């Protein structure tokens, strides 16, 4: 198992319960859920990967238990936070992260589409 499928299913079920349309894409050795063609949230190994507002929400969010900046390439990725699975056991904590991602999604930039050869 490259990533925690139970956690990915938990996120999908939560989005579906709120009638939020998403597309799941395999990325970063895990899975990312896209909303409006923008990365919303994902799972890498056993961690939740949250995309949050880097200026407004990230500083406060990084102070929460189990949260660390995403350092995928040796350099911290602005606005991306990894959250340990045990820090989102409680539904209230899990919903905090999903809501933070949903709050930022309308302002987030979509990645550039690659031209097909």
PDB file of N, CA and C in Angstrom:
ATOM      1  N   UNK A   1       0.843  -1.191   0.000  1.00  0.00           N
ATOM      2  CA  UNK A   1       0.000   0.000   0.000  1.00  0.00           C
ATOM      3  C   UNK A   1       0.885   1.250   0.000  1.00  0.00           C
ATOM      4  N   UNK A   2       0.810   2.032  -1.040  1.00  0.00           N
ATOM      5  CA  UNK A   2       1.622   3.240  -1.168  1.00  0.00           C
ATOM      6  C   UNK A   2       1.079   4.369  -0.292  1.00  0.00           C
ATOM      7  N   UNK A   3      -0.222   4.355  -0.043  1.00  0.00           N
ATOM      8  CA  UNK A   3      -0.826   5.392   0.802  1.00  0.00           C
ATOM      9  C   UNK A   3      -1.982   4.781   1.578  1.00  0.00           C
ATOM     10  N   UNK A   4      -2.417   5.472   2.610  1.00  0.00           N
ATOM     11  CA  UNK A   4      -3.485   5.003   3.491  1.00  0.00           C
ATOM     12  C   UNK A   4      -4.832   5.135   2.774  1.00  0.00           C
ATOM     13  N   UNK A   5      -5.303   4.028   2.237  1.00  0.00           N
ATOM     14  CA  UNK A   5      -6.555   4.041   1.488  1.00  0.00           C
ATOM     15  C   UNK A   5      -7.756   4.301   2.387  1.00  0.00           C
ATOM     16  N   UNK A   6      -7.673   3.883   3.647  1.00  0.00           N
ATOM     17  CA  UNK A   6      -8.763   4.153   4.597  1.00  0.00           C
ATOM     18  C   UNK A   6      -8.932   5.667   4.789  1.00  0.00           C
ATOM     19  N   UNK A   7      -7.822   6.372   4.934  1.00  0.00           N
ATOM     20  CA  UNK A   7      -7.882   7.828   5.091  1.00  0.00           C
ATOM     21  C   UNK A   7      -8.430   8.479   3.825  1.00  0.00           C
ATOM     22  N   UNK A   8      -7.992   8.000   2.666  1.00  0.00           N
ATOM     23  CA  UNK A   8      -8.494   8.537   1.396  1.00  0.00           C
ATOM     24  C   UNK A   8     -10.008   8.321   1.294  1.00  0.00           C
ATOM     25  N   UNK A   9     -10.474   7.143   1.668  1.00  0.00           N
ATOM     26  CA  UNK A   9     -11.914   6.865   1.638  1.00  0.00           C
ATOM     27  C   UNK A   9     -12.679   7.757   2.616  1.00  0.00           C
ATOM     28  N   UNK A  10     -12.084   8.010   3.754  1.00  0.00           N
ATOM     29  CA  UNK A  10     -12.711   8.891   4.755  1.00  0.00           C
ATOM     30  C   UNK A  10     -12.911  10.292   4.181  1.00  0.00           C
ATOM     31  N   UNK A  11     -11.907  10.792   3.478  1.00  0.00           N
ATOM     32  CA  UNK A  11     -12.011  12.124   2.867  1.00  0.00           C
ATOM     33  C   UNK A  11     -13.083  12.109   1.779  1.00  0.00           C
ATOM     34  N   UNK A  12     -13.047  11.094   0.923  1.00  0.00           N
ATOM     35  CA  UNK A  12     -14.030  10.993  -0.167  1.00  0.00           C
ATOM     36  C   UNK A  12     -15.447  10.945   0.379  1.00  0.00           C
ATOM     37  N   UNK A  13     -15.669  10.123   1.403  1.00  0.00           N
ATOM     38  CA  UNK A  13     -17.004  10.011   2.002  1.00  0.00           C
ATOM     39  C   UNK A  13     -17.456  11.345   2.583  1.00  0.00           C
ATOM     40  N   UNK A  14     -16.522  12.058   3.200  1.00  0.00           N
ATOM     41  CA  UNK A  14     -16.857  13.364   3.782  1.00  0.00           C
ATOM     42  C   UNK A  14     -17.262  14.352   2.688  1.00  0.00           C
ATOM     43  N   UNK A  15     -16.497  14.400   1.609  1.00  0.00           N
ATOM     44  CA  UNK A  15     -16.834  15.308   0.507  1.00  0.00           C
ATOM     45  C   UNK A  15     -18.170  14.919  -0.116  1.00  0.00           C
ATOM     46  N   UNK A  16     -18.398  13.633  -0.310  1.00  0.00           N
ATOM     47  CA  UNK A  16     -19.655  13.164  -0.893  1.00  0.00           C
ATOM     48  C   UNK A  16     -20.840  13.504   0.000  1.00  0.00           C
ATOM     49  N   UNK A  17     -20.658  13.404   1.322  1.00  0.00           N
ATOM     50  CA  UNK A  17     -21.749  13.721   2.246  1.00  0.00           C
ATOM     51  C   UNK A  17     -22.128  15.199   2.176  1.00  0.00           C
ATOM     52  N   UNK A  18     -21.174  16.019   1.744  1.00  0.00           N
ATOM     53  CA  UNK A  18     -21.425  17.467   1.592  1.00  0.00           C
ATOM     54  C   UNK A  18     -21.752  17.832   0.145  1.00  0.00           C
ATOM     55  N   UNK A  19     -21.911  16.788  -0.697  1.00  0.00           N
ATOM     56  CA  UNK A  19     -22.261  16.960  -2.115  1.00  0.00           C
ATOM     57  C   UNK A  19     -21.235  17.811  -2.870  1.00  0.00           C
ATOM     58  N   UNK A  20     -19.956  17.607  -2.528  1.00  0.00           N
ATOM     59  CA  UNK A  20     -18.859  18.304  -3.203  1.00  0.00           C
ATOM     60  C   UNK A  20     -18.293  17.368  -4.259  1.00  0.00           C
ATOM     61  N   UNK A  21     -18.315  17.817  -5.503  1.00  0.00           N
ATOM     62  CA  UNK A  21     -17.797  17.003  -6.604  1.00  0.00           C
ATOM     63  C   UNK A  21     -16.277  17.106  -6.633  1.00  0.00           C
ATOM     64  N   UNK A  22     -15.640  15.961  -6.795  1.00  0.00           N
ATOM     65  CA  UNK A  22     -14.179  15.903  -6.818  1.00  0.00           C
ATOM     66  C   UNK A  22     -13.725  14.869  -7.835  1.00  0.00           C
ATOM     67  N   UNK A  23     -12.456  14.949  -8.170  1.00  0.00           N
ATOM     68  CA  UNK A  23     -11.805  13.944  -9.006  1.00  0.00           C
ATOM     69  C   UNK A  23     -10.579  13.480  -8.228  1.00  0.00           C
ATOM     70  N   UNK A  24     -10.399  12.175  -8.114  1.00  0.00           N
ATOM     71  CA  UNK A  24      -9.226  11.610  -7.442  1.00  0.00           C
ATOM     72  C   UNK A  24      -8.146  11.346  -8.480  1.00  0.00           C
ATOM     73  N   UNK A  25      -6.927  11.805  -8.190  1.00  0.00           N
ATOM     74  CA  UNK A  25      -5.788  11.580  -9.087  1.00  0.00           C
ATOM     75  C   UNK A  25      -4.617  11.048  -8.275  1.00  0.00           C
ATOM     76  N   UNK A  26      -3.946  10.059  -8.824  1.00  0.00           N
ATOM     77  CA  UNK A  26      -2.744   9.533  -8.177  1.00  0.00           C
ATOM     78  C   UNK A  26      -1.617  10.538  -8.415  1.00  0.00           C
ATOM     79  N   UNK A  27      -0.994  10.962  -7.315  1.00  0.00           N
ATOM     80  CA  UNK A  27       0.074  11.964  -7.367  1.00  0.00           C
ATOM     81  C   UNK A  27       0.948  11.844  -6.131  1.00  0.00           C
ATOM     82  N   UNK A  28       2.171  12.249  -6.236  1.00  0.00           N
ATOM     83  CA  UNK A  28       3.090  12.287  -5.090  1.00  0.00           C
ATOM     84  C   UNK A  28       3.194  10.927  -4.404  1.00  0.00           C
ATOM     85  N   UNK A  29       2.973   9.834  -5.123  1.00  0.00           N
ATOM     86  CA  UNK A  29       2.992   8.513  -4.508  1.00  0.00           C
ATOM     87  C   UNK A  29       1.782   8.267  -3.636  1.00  0.00           C
ATOM     88  N   UNK A  30       0.773   9.096  -3.781  1.00  0.00           N
ATOM     89  CA  UNK A  30      -0.458   8.962  -3.011  1.00  0.00           C
ATOM     90  C   UNK A  30      -1.640   9.305  -3.896  1.00  0.00           C
ATOM     91  N   UNK A  31      -2.630   9.933  -3.302  1.00  0.00           N
ATOM     92  CA  UNK A  31      -3.804  10.350  -4.062  1.00  0.00           C
ATOM     93  C   UNK A  31      -4.148  11.788  -3.680  1.00  0.00           C
ATOM     94  N   UNK A  32      -4.540  12.561  -4.683  1.00  0.00           N
ATOM     95  CA  UNK A  32      -4.984  13.941  -4.459  1.00  0.00           C
ATOM     96  C   UNK A  32      -6.417  14.048  -4.927  1.00  0.00           C
ATOM     97  N   UNK A  33      -7.200  14.808  -4.209  1.00  0.00           N
ATOM     98  CA  UNK A  33      -8.575  15.052  -4.597  1.00  0.00           C
ATOM     99  C   UNK A  33      -8.654  16.470  -5.132  1.00  0.00           C
ATOM    100  N   UNK A  34      -9.162  16.560  -6.340  1.00  0.00           N
ATOM    101  CA  UNK A  34      -9.248  17.829  -7.045  1.00  0.00           C
ATOM    102  C   UNK A  34     -10.691  18.331  -7.013  1.00  0.00           C
ATOM    103  N   UNK A  35     -10.856  19.618  -6.757  1.00  0.00           N
ATOM    104  CA  UNK A  35     -12.160  20.274  -6.810  1.00  0.00           C
ATOM    105  C   UNK A  35     -11.994  21.494  -7.706  1.00  0.00           C
ATOM    106  N   UNK A  36     -12.854  21.613  -8.696  1.00  0.00           N
ATOM    107  CA  UNK A  36     -12.774  22.713  -9.663  1.00  0.00           C
ATOM    108  C   UNK A  36     -11.409  22.763 -10.352  1.00  0.00           C
ATOM    109  N   UNK A  37     -10.878  21.605 -10.701  1.00  0.00           N
ATOM    110  CA  UNK A  37      -9.577  21.463 -11.376  1.00  0.00           C
ATOM    111  C   UNK A  37      -8.409  21.977 -10.556  1.00  0.00           C
ATOM    112  N   UNK A  38      -8.584  22.022  -9.222  1.00  0.00           N
ATOM    113  CA  UNK A  38      -7.509  22.467  -8.334  1.00  0.00           C
ATOM    114  C   UNK A  38      -7.310  21.438  -7.235  1.00  0.00           C
ATOM    115  N   UNK A  39      -6.055  21.229  -6.864  1.00  0.00           N
ATOM    116  CA  UNK A  39      -5.762  20.303  -5.784  1.00  0.00           C
ATOM    117  C   UNK A  39      -6.368  20.821  -4.485  1.00  0.00           C
ATOM    118  N   UNK A  40      -7.185  19.987  -3.855  1.00  0.00           N
ATOM    119  CA  UNK A  40      -7.851  20.371  -2.610  1.00  0.00           C
ATOM    120  C   UNK A  40      -7.153  19.760  -1.404  1.00  0.00           C
ATOM    121  N   UNK A  41      -7.020  18.438  -1.431  1.00  0.00           N
ATOM    122  CA  UNK A  41      -6.543  17.686  -0.278  1.00  0.00           C
ATOM    123  C   UNK A  41      -6.054  16.343  -0.788  1.00  0.00           C
ATOM    124  N   UNK A  42      -5.259  15.665  -0.010  1.00  0.00           N
ATOM    125  CA  UNK A  42      -4.788  14.367  -0.464  1.00  0.00           C
ATOM    126  C   UNK A  42      -4.246  13.517   0.660  1.00  0.00           C
ATOM    127  N   UNK A  43      -3.697  12.382   0.280  1.00  0.00           N
ATOM    128  CA  UNK A  43      -3.093  11.457   1.235  1.00  0.00           C
ATOM    129  C   UNK A  43      -1.740  11.023   0.689  1.00  0.00           C
ATOM    130  N   UNK A  44      -0.717  11.175   1.510  1.00  0.00           N
ATOM    131  CA  UNK A  44       0.634  10.679   1.200  1.00  0.00           C
ATOM    132  C   UNK A  44       1.021   9.735   2.327  1.00  0.00           C
ATOM    133  N   UNK A  45       1.286   8.500   1.986  1.00  0.00           N
ATOM    134  CA  UNK A  45       1.589   7.455   2.977  1.00  0.00           C
ATOM    135  C   UNK A  45       0.480   7.447   4.026  1.00  0.00           C
ATOM    136  N   UNK A  46       0.795   7.784   5.271  1.00  0.00           N
ATOM    137  CA  UNK A  46      -0.226   7.798   6.329  1.00  0.00           C
ATOM    138  C   UNK A  46      -0.567   9.215   6.776  1.00  0.00           C
ATOM    139  N   UNK A  47      -0.285  10.186   5.941  1.00  0.00           N
ATOM    140  CA  UNK A  47      -0.539  11.568   6.313  1.00  0.00           C
ATOM    141  C   UNK A  47      -1.559  12.219   5.384  1.00  0.00           C
ATOM    142  N   UNK A  48      -2.356  13.089   5.961  1.00  0.00           N
ATOM    143  CA  UNK A  48      -3.258  13.926   5.180  1.00  0.00           C
ATOM    144  C   UNK A  48      -2.430  15.068   4.612  1.00  0.00           C
ATOM    145  N   UNK A  49      -2.621  15.380   3.358  1.00  0.00           N
ATOM    146  CA  UNK A  49      -1.926  16.497   2.728  1.00  0.00           C
ATOM    147  C   UNK A  49      -2.967  17.599   2.509  1.00  0.00           C
ATOM    148  N   UNK A  50      -2.811  18.690   3.215  1.00  0.00           N
ATOM    149  CA  UNK A  50      -3.776  19.784   3.149  1.00  0.00           C
ATOM    150  C   UNK A  50      -3.206  20.941   2.344  1.00  0.00           C
ATOM    151  N   UNK A  51      -4.025  21.480   1.440  1.00  0.00           N
ATOM    152  CA  UNK A  51      -3.642  22.688   0.707  1.00  0.00           C
ATOM    153  C   UNK A  51      -4.446  23.832   1.307  1.00  0.00           C
ATOM    154  N   UNK A  52      -3.743  24.740   1.981  1.00  0.00           N
ATOM    155  CA  UNK A  52      -4.389  25.829   2.708  1.00  0.00           C
ATOM    156  C   UNK A  52      -3.820  27.173   2.256  1.00  0.00           C
ATOM    157  N   UNK A  53      -4.490  28.229   2.638  1.00  0.00           N
ATOM    158  CA  UNK A  53      -4.024  29.573   2.299  1.00  0.00           C
ATOM    159  C   UNK A  53      -2.663  29.802   2.956  1.00  0.00           C
ATOM    160  N   UNK A  54      -1.608  29.974   2.155  1.00  0.00           N
ATOM    161  CA  UNK A  54      -0.264  30.088   2.728  1.00  0.00           C
ATOM    162  C   UNK A  54      -0.049  31.339   3.577  1.00  0.00           C
ATOM    163  N   UNK A  55      -0.785  32.383   3.274  1.00  0.00           N
ATOM    164  CA  UNK A  55      -0.600  33.643   4.008  1.00  0.00           C
ATOM    165  C   UNK A  55      -1.508  33.745   5.224  1.00  0.00           C
ATOM    166  N   UNK A  56      -2.765  33.352   5.060  1.00  0.00           N
ATOM    167  CA  UNK A  56      -3.772  33.571   6.100  1.00  0.00           C
ATOM    168  C   UNK A  56      -3.850  32.411   7.090  1.00  0.00           C
ATOM    169  N   UNK A  57      -3.967  31.181   6.595  1.00  0.00           N
ATOM    170  CA  UNK A  57      -4.257  30.044   7.467  1.00  0.00           C
ATOM    171  C   UNK A  57      -3.064  29.177   7.837  1.00  0.00           C
ATOM    172  N   UNK A  58      -2.073  29.085   6.982  1.00  0.00           N
ATOM    173  CA  UNK A  58      -0.953  28.169   7.225  1.00  0.00           C
ATOM    174  C   UNK A  58      -0.211  28.439   8.535  1.00  0.00           C
ATOM    175  N   UNK A  59       0.128  29.695   8.869  1.00  0.00           N
ATOM    176  CA  UNK A  59       0.881  29.905  10.114  1.00  0.00           C
ATOM    177  C   UNK A  59       0.171  29.356  11.357  1.00  0.00           C
ATOM    178  N   UNK A  60      -1.122  29.592  11.456  1.00  0.00           N
ATOM    179  CA  UNK A  60      -1.897  29.099  12.606  1.00  0.00           C
ATOM    180  C   UNK A  60      -2.063  27.580  12.531  1.00  0.00           C
ATOM    181  N   UNK A  61      -2.353  27.063  11.334  1.00  0.00           N
ATOM    182  CA  UNK A  61      -2.580  25.633  11.158  1.00  0.00           C
ATOM    183  C   UNK A  61      -1.334  24.818  11.503  1.00  0.00           C
ATOM    184  N   UNK A  62      -0.165  25.351  11.195  1.00  0.00           N
ATOM    185  CA  UNK A  62       1.079  24.636  11.477  1.00  0.00           C
ATOM    186  C   UNK A  62       1.350  24.493  12.973  1.00  0.00           C
ATOM    187  N   UNK A  63       0.648  25.240  13.801  1.00  0.00           N
ATOM    188  CA  UNK A  63       0.800  25.136  15.252  1.00  0.00           C
ATOM    189  C   UNK A  63      -0.031  23.995  15.832  1.00  0.00           C
ATOM    190  N   UNK A  64      -0.900  23.403  15.018  1.00  0.00           N
ATOM    191  CA  UNK A  64      -1.745  22.305  15.486  1.00  0.00           C
ATOM    192  C   UNK A  64      -0.933  21.014  15.608  1.00  0.00           C
ATOM    193  N   UNK A  65      -1.402  20.146  16.476  1.00  0.00           N
ATOM    194  CA  UNK A  65      -0.763  18.858  16.721  1.00  0.00           C
ATOM    195  C   UNK A  65      -0.631  18.070  15.407  1.00  0.00           C
ATOM    196  N   UNK A  66       0.558  17.531  15.178  1.00  0.00           N
ATOM    197  CA  UNK A  66       0.791  16.643  14.041  1.00  0.00           C
ATOM    198  C   UNK A  66       0.960  17.316  12.698  1.00  0.00           C
ATOM    199  N   UNK A  67       0.994  18.642  12.646  1.00  0.00           N
ATOM    200  CA  UNK A  67       1.097  19.368  11.372  1.00  0.00           C
ATOM    201  C   UNK A  67       2.535  19.811  11.120  1.00  0.00           C
ATOM    202  N   UNK A  68       3.007  19.551   9.893  1.00  0.00           N
ATOM    203  CA  UNK A  68       4.346  19.976   9.488  1.00  0.00           C
ATOM    204  C   UNK A  68       4.277  20.475   8.047  1.00  0.00           C
ATOM    205  N   UNK A  69       5.161  21.399   7.684  1.00  0.00           N
ATOM    206  CA  UNK A  69       5.172  21.848   6.284  1.00  0.00           C
ATOM    207  C   UNK A  69       5.510  20.676   5.368  1.00  0.00           C
ATOM    208  N   UNK A  70       4.912  20.656   4.200  1.00  0.00           N
ATOM    209  CA  UNK A  70       5.211  19.604   3.233  1.00  0.00           C
ATOM    210  C   UNK A  70       6.560  19.905   2.604  1.00  0.00           C
ATOM    211  N   UNK A  71       7.459  18.948   2.717  1.00  0.00           N
ATOM    212  CA  UNK A  71       8.817  19.097   2.217  1.00  0.00           C
ATOM    213  C   UNK A  71       9.074  17.928   1.280  1.00  0.00           C
ATOM    214  N   UNK A  72       8.474  17.967   0.115  1.00  0.00           N
ATOM    215  CA  UNK A  72       8.519  16.846  -0.823  1.00  0.00           C
ATOM    216  C   UNK A  72       9.796  16.837  -1.642  1.00  0.00           C
ATOM    217  N   UNK A  73      10.339  18.002  -1.925  1.00  0.00           N
ATOM    218  CA  UNK A  73      11.500  18.097  -2.818  1.00  0.00           C
ATOM    219  C   UNK A  73      12.757  18.604  -2.117  1.00  0.00           C
ATOM    220  N   UNK A  74      12.738  18.651  -0.802  1.00  0.00           N
ATOM    221  CA  UNK A  74      13.859  19.223  -0.067  1.00  0.00           C
ATOM    222  C   UNK A  74      13.628  20.692   0.231  1.00  0.00           C
ATOM    223  N   UNK A  75      12.542  21.222  -0.304  1.00  0.00           N
ATOM    224  CA  UNK A  75      12.171  22.617  -0.073  1.00  0.00           C
ATOM    225  C   UNK A  75      10.700  22.623   0.342  1.00  0.00           C
ATOM    226  N   UNK A  76      10.393  23.384   1.369  1.00  0.00           N
ATOM    227  CA  UNK A  76       9.024  23.460   1.859  1.00  0.00           C
ATOM    228  C   UNK A  76       8.100  24.014   0.771  1.00  0.00           C
ATOM    229  N   UNK A  77       6.973  23.351   0.574  1.00  0.00           N
ATOM    230  CA  UNK A  77       6.004  23.788  -0.441  1.00  0.00           C
ATOM    231  C   UNK A  77       4.984  24.713   0.218  1.00  0.00           C
ATOM    232  N   UNK A  78       4.976  25.949  -0.202  1.00  0.00           N
ATOM    233  CA  UNK A  78       4.133  26.985   0.380  1.00  0.00           C
ATOM    234  C   UNK A  78       2.651  26.610   0.280  1.00  0.00           C
ATOM    235  N   UNK A  79       1.965  26.615   1.426  1.00  0.00           N
ATOM    236  CA  UNK A  79       0.540  26.338   1.447  1.00  0.00           C
ATOM    237  C   UNK A  79       0.175  24.871   1.531  1.00  0.00           C
ATOM    238  N   UNK A  80       1.165  23.990   1.596  1.00  0.00           N
ATOM    239  CA  UNK A  80       0.903  22.555   1.702  1.00  0.00           C
ATOM    240  C   UNK A  80       1.392  22.063   3.062  1.00  0.00           C
ATOM    241  N   UNK A  81       0.505  21.382   3.777  1.00  0.00           N
ATOM    242  CA  UNK A  81       0.801  20.902   5.125  1.00  0.00           C
ATOM    243  C   UNK A  81       0.500  19.412   5.201  1.00  0.00           C
ATOM    244  N   UNK A  82       1.403  18.658   5.813  1.00  0.00           N
ATOM    245  CA  UNK A  82       1.165  17.245   6.085  1.00  0.00           C
ATOM    246  C   UNK A  82       0.704  17.106   7.529  1.00  0.00           C
ATOM    247  N   UNK A  83      -0.322  16.286   7.725  1.00  0.00           N
ATOM    248  CA  UNK A  83      -0.912  16.111   9.055  1.00  0.00           C
ATOM    249  C   UNK A  83      -0.887  14.628   9.394  1.00  0.00           C
ATOM    250  N   UNK A  84      -0.293  14.295  10.538  1.00  0.00           N
ATOM    251  CA  UNK A  84      -0.223  12.904  10.978  1.00  0.00           C
ATOM    252  C   UNK A  84      -1.620  12.340  11.189  1.00  0.00           C
ATOM    253  N   UNK A  85      -1.763  11.070  10.867  1.00  0.00           N
ATOM    254  CA  UNK A  85      -3.059  10.400  10.967  1.00  0.00           C
ATOM    255  C   UNK A  85      -3.651  10.474  12.381  1.00  0.00           C
ATOM    256  N   UNK A  86      -2.805  10.323  13.407  1.00  0.00           N
ATOM    257  CA  UNK A  86      -3.341  10.345  14.772  1.00  0.00           C
ATOM    258  C   UNK A  86      -3.824  11.735  15.189  1.00  0.00           C
ATOM    259  N   UNK A  87      -3.443  12.762  14.448  1.00  0.00           N
ATOM    260  CA  UNK A  87      -3.890  14.129  14.761  1.00  0.00           C
ATOM    261  C   UNK A  87      -5.267  14.429  14.161  1.00  0.00           C
ATOM    262  N   UNK A  88      -5.800  13.486  13.381  1.00  0.00           N
ATOM    263  CA  UNK A  88      -7.126  13.693  12.787  1.00  0.00           C
ATOM    264  C   UNK A  88      -8.073  12.541  13.136  1.00  0.00           C
ATOM    265  N   UNK A  89      -7.749  11.815  14.206  1.00  0.00           N
ATOM    266  CA  UNK A  89      -8.631  10.736  14.672  1.00  0.00           C
ATOM    267  C   UNK A  89     -10.013  11.273  15.039  1.00  0.00           C
ATOM    268  N   UNK A  90     -10.030  12.369  15.730  1.00  0.00           N
ATOM    269  CA  UNK A  90     -11.298  12.970  16.163  1.00  0.00           C
ATOM    270  C   UNK A  90     -11.953  13.655  14.963  1.00  0.00           C
ATOM    271  N   UNK A  91     -13.241  13.470  14.822  1.00  0.00           N
ATOM    272  CA  UNK A  91     -13.964  14.042  13.681  1.00  0.00           C
ATOM    273  C   UNK A  91     -13.817  15.562  13.622  1.00  0.00           C
ATOM    274  N   UNK A  92     -13.810  16.201  14.775  1.00  0.00           N
ATOM    275  CA  UNK A  92     -13.669  17.664  14.838  1.00  0.00           C
ATOM    276  C   UNK A  92     -12.342  18.116  14.224  1.00  0.00           C
ATOM    277  N   UNK A  93     -11.264  17.391  14.512  1.00  0.00           N
ATOM    278  CA  UNK A  93      -9.948  17.728  13.965  1.00  0.00           C
ATOM    279  C   UNK A  93      -9.906  17.451  12.460  1.00  0.00           C
ATOM    280  N   UNK A  94     -10.466  16.318  12.052  1.00  0.00           N
ATOM    281  CA  UNK A  94     -10.527  15.961  10.634  1.00  0.00           C
ATOM    282  C   UNK A  94     -11.290  17.029   9.853  1.00  0.00           C
ATOM    283  N   UNK A  95     -12.451  17.437  10.359  1.00  0.00           N
ATOM    284  CA  UNK A  95     -13.269  18.444   9.678  1.00  0.00           C
ATOM    285  C   UNK A  95     -12.571  19.801   9.624  1.00  0.00           C
ATOM    286  N   UNK A  96     -11.777  20.128  10.642  1.00  0.00           N
ATOM    287  CA  UNK A  96     -11.020  21.381  10.638  1.00  0.00           C
ATOM    288  C   UNK A  96     -10.153  21.456   9.386  1.00  0.00           C
ATOM    289  N   UNK A  97      -9.428  20.358   9.098  1.00  0.00           N
ATOM    290  CA  UNK A  97      -8.518  20.357   7.955  1.00  0.00           C
ATOM    291  C   UNK A  97      -9.269  20.373   6.629  1.00  0.00           C
ATOM    292  N   UNK A  98     -10.329  19.587   6.525  1.00  0.00           N
ATOM    293  CA  UNK A  98     -11.103  19.574   5.279  1.00  0.00           C
ATOM    294  C   UNK A  98     -11.710  20.960   5.039  1.00  0.00           C
ATOM    295  N   UNK A  99     -12.263  21.566   6.071  1.00  0.00           N
ATOM    296  CA  UNK A  99     -12.874  22.897   5.935  1.00  0.00           C
ATOM    297  C   UNK A  99     -11.838  23.948   5.541  1.00  0.00           C
ATOM    298  N   UNK A 100     -10.639  23.857   6.105  1.00  0.00           N
ATOM    299  CA  UNK A 100      -9.577  24.804   5.768  1.00  0.00           C
ATOM    300  C   UNK A 100      -9.203  24.680   4.288  1.00  0.00           C
ATOM    301  N   UNK A 101      -9.140  23.469   3.794  1.00  0.00           N
ATOM    302  CA  UNK A 101      -8.835  23.233   2.376  1.00  0.00           C
ATOM    303  C   UNK A 101      -9.961  23.763   1.492  1.00  0.00           C
ATOM    304  N   UNK A 102     -11.196  23.499   1.875  1.00  0.00           N
ATOM    305  CA  UNK A 102     -12.345  23.978   1.098  1.00  0.00           C
ATOM    306  C   UNK A 102     -12.420  25.502   1.099  1.00  0.00           C
ATOM    307  N   UNK A 103     -12.027  26.114   2.201  1.00  0.00           N
ATOM    308  CA  UNK A 103     -12.031  27.576   2.301  1.00  0.00           C
ATOM    309  C   UNK A 103     -11.046  28.193   1.299  1.00  0.00           C
ATOM    310  N   UNK A 104      -9.893  27.559   1.133  1.00  0.00           N
ATOM    311  CA  UNK A 104      -8.860  28.098   0.251  1.00  0.00           C
ATOM    312  C   UNK A 104      -9.101  27.765  -1.217  1.00  0.00           C
ATOM    313  N   UNK A 105      -9.767  26.671  -1.499  1.00  0.00           N
ATOM    314  CA  UNK A 105      -9.899  26.196  -2.878  1.00  0.00           C
ATOM    315  C   UNK A 105     -10.381  27.252  -3.869  1.00  0.00           C
ATOM    316  N   UNK A 106     -11.389  28.061  -3.561  1.00  0.00           N
ATOM    317  CA  UNK A 106     -11.824  29.067  -4.549  1.00  0.00           C
ATOM    318  C   UNK A 106     -10.728  30.081  -4.899  1.00  0.00           C
ATOM    319  N   UNK A 107      -9.802  30.338  -3.955  1.00  0.00           N
ATOM    320  CA  UNK A 107      -8.723  31.300  -4.203  1.00  0.00           C
ATOM    321  C   UNK A 107      -7.479  30.656  -4.815  1.00  0.00           C
ATOM    322  N   UNK A 108      -7.365  29.337  -4.697  1.00  0.00           N
ATOM    323  CA  UNK A 108      -6.170  28.630  -5.173  1.00  0.00           C
ATOM    324  C   UNK A 108      -6.085  28.697  -6.688  1.00  0.00           C
ATOM    325  N   UNK A 109      -4.856  28.656  -7.170  1.00  0.00           N
ATOM    326  CA  UNK A 109      -4.635  28.656  -8.612  1.00  0.00           C
ATOM    327  C   UNK A 109      -4.619  27.223  -9.115  1.00  0.00           C
ATOM    328  N   UNK A 110      -5.220  27.001 -10.262  1.00  0.00           N
ATOM    329  CA  UNK A 110      -5.159  25.687 -10.890  1.00  0.00           C
ATOM    330  C   UNK A 110      -3.770  25.518 -11.507  1.00  0.00           C
ATOM    331  N   UNK A 111      -3.290  24.284 -11.514  1.00  0.00           N
ATOM    332  CA  UNK A 111      -1.993  24.046 -12.163  1.00  0.00           C
ATOM    333  C   UNK A 111      -2.168  24.182 -13.663  1.00  0.00           C
ATOM    334  N   UNK A 112      -1.070  24.534 -14.310  1.00  0.00           N
ATOM    335  CA  UNK A 112      -1.127  24.724 -15.759  1.00  0.00           C
ATOM    336  C   UNK A 112      -1.314  23.380 -16.444  1.00  0.00           C
ATOM    337  N   UNK A 113      -2.176  23.354 -17.428  1.00  0.00           N
ATOM    338  CA  UNK A 113      -2.426  22.134 -18.190  1.00  0.00           C
ATOM    339  C   UNK A 113      -1.264  21.926 -19.151  1.00  0.00           C
ATOM    340  N   UNK A 114      -0.809  20.687 -19.239  1.00  0.00           N
ATOM    341  CA  UNK A 114       0.260  20.358 -20.182  1.00  0.00           C
ATOM    342  C   UNK A 114      -0.342  20.159 -21.556  1.00  0.00           C
ATOM    343  N   UNK A 115       0.308  20.718 -22.538  1.00  0.00           N
ATOM    344  CA  UNK A 115      -0.173  20.569 -23.920  1.00  0.00           C
ATOM    345  C   UNK A 115       0.057  19.124 -24.352  1.00  0.00           C
ATOM    346  N   UNK A 116      -0.918  18.571 -25.043  1.00  0.00           N
ATOM    347  CA  UNK A 116      -0.794  17.211 -25.551  1.00  0.00           C
ATOM    348  C   UNK A 116       0.013  17.227 -26.833  1.00  0.00           C
ATOM    349  N   UNK A 117       0.936  16.306 -26.930  1.00  0.00           N
ATOM    350  CA  UNK A 117       1.814  16.245 -28.111  1.00  0.00           C
ATOM    351  C   UNK A 117       1.093  15.668 -29.309  1.00  0.00           C
TER     352      UNK A 117
END
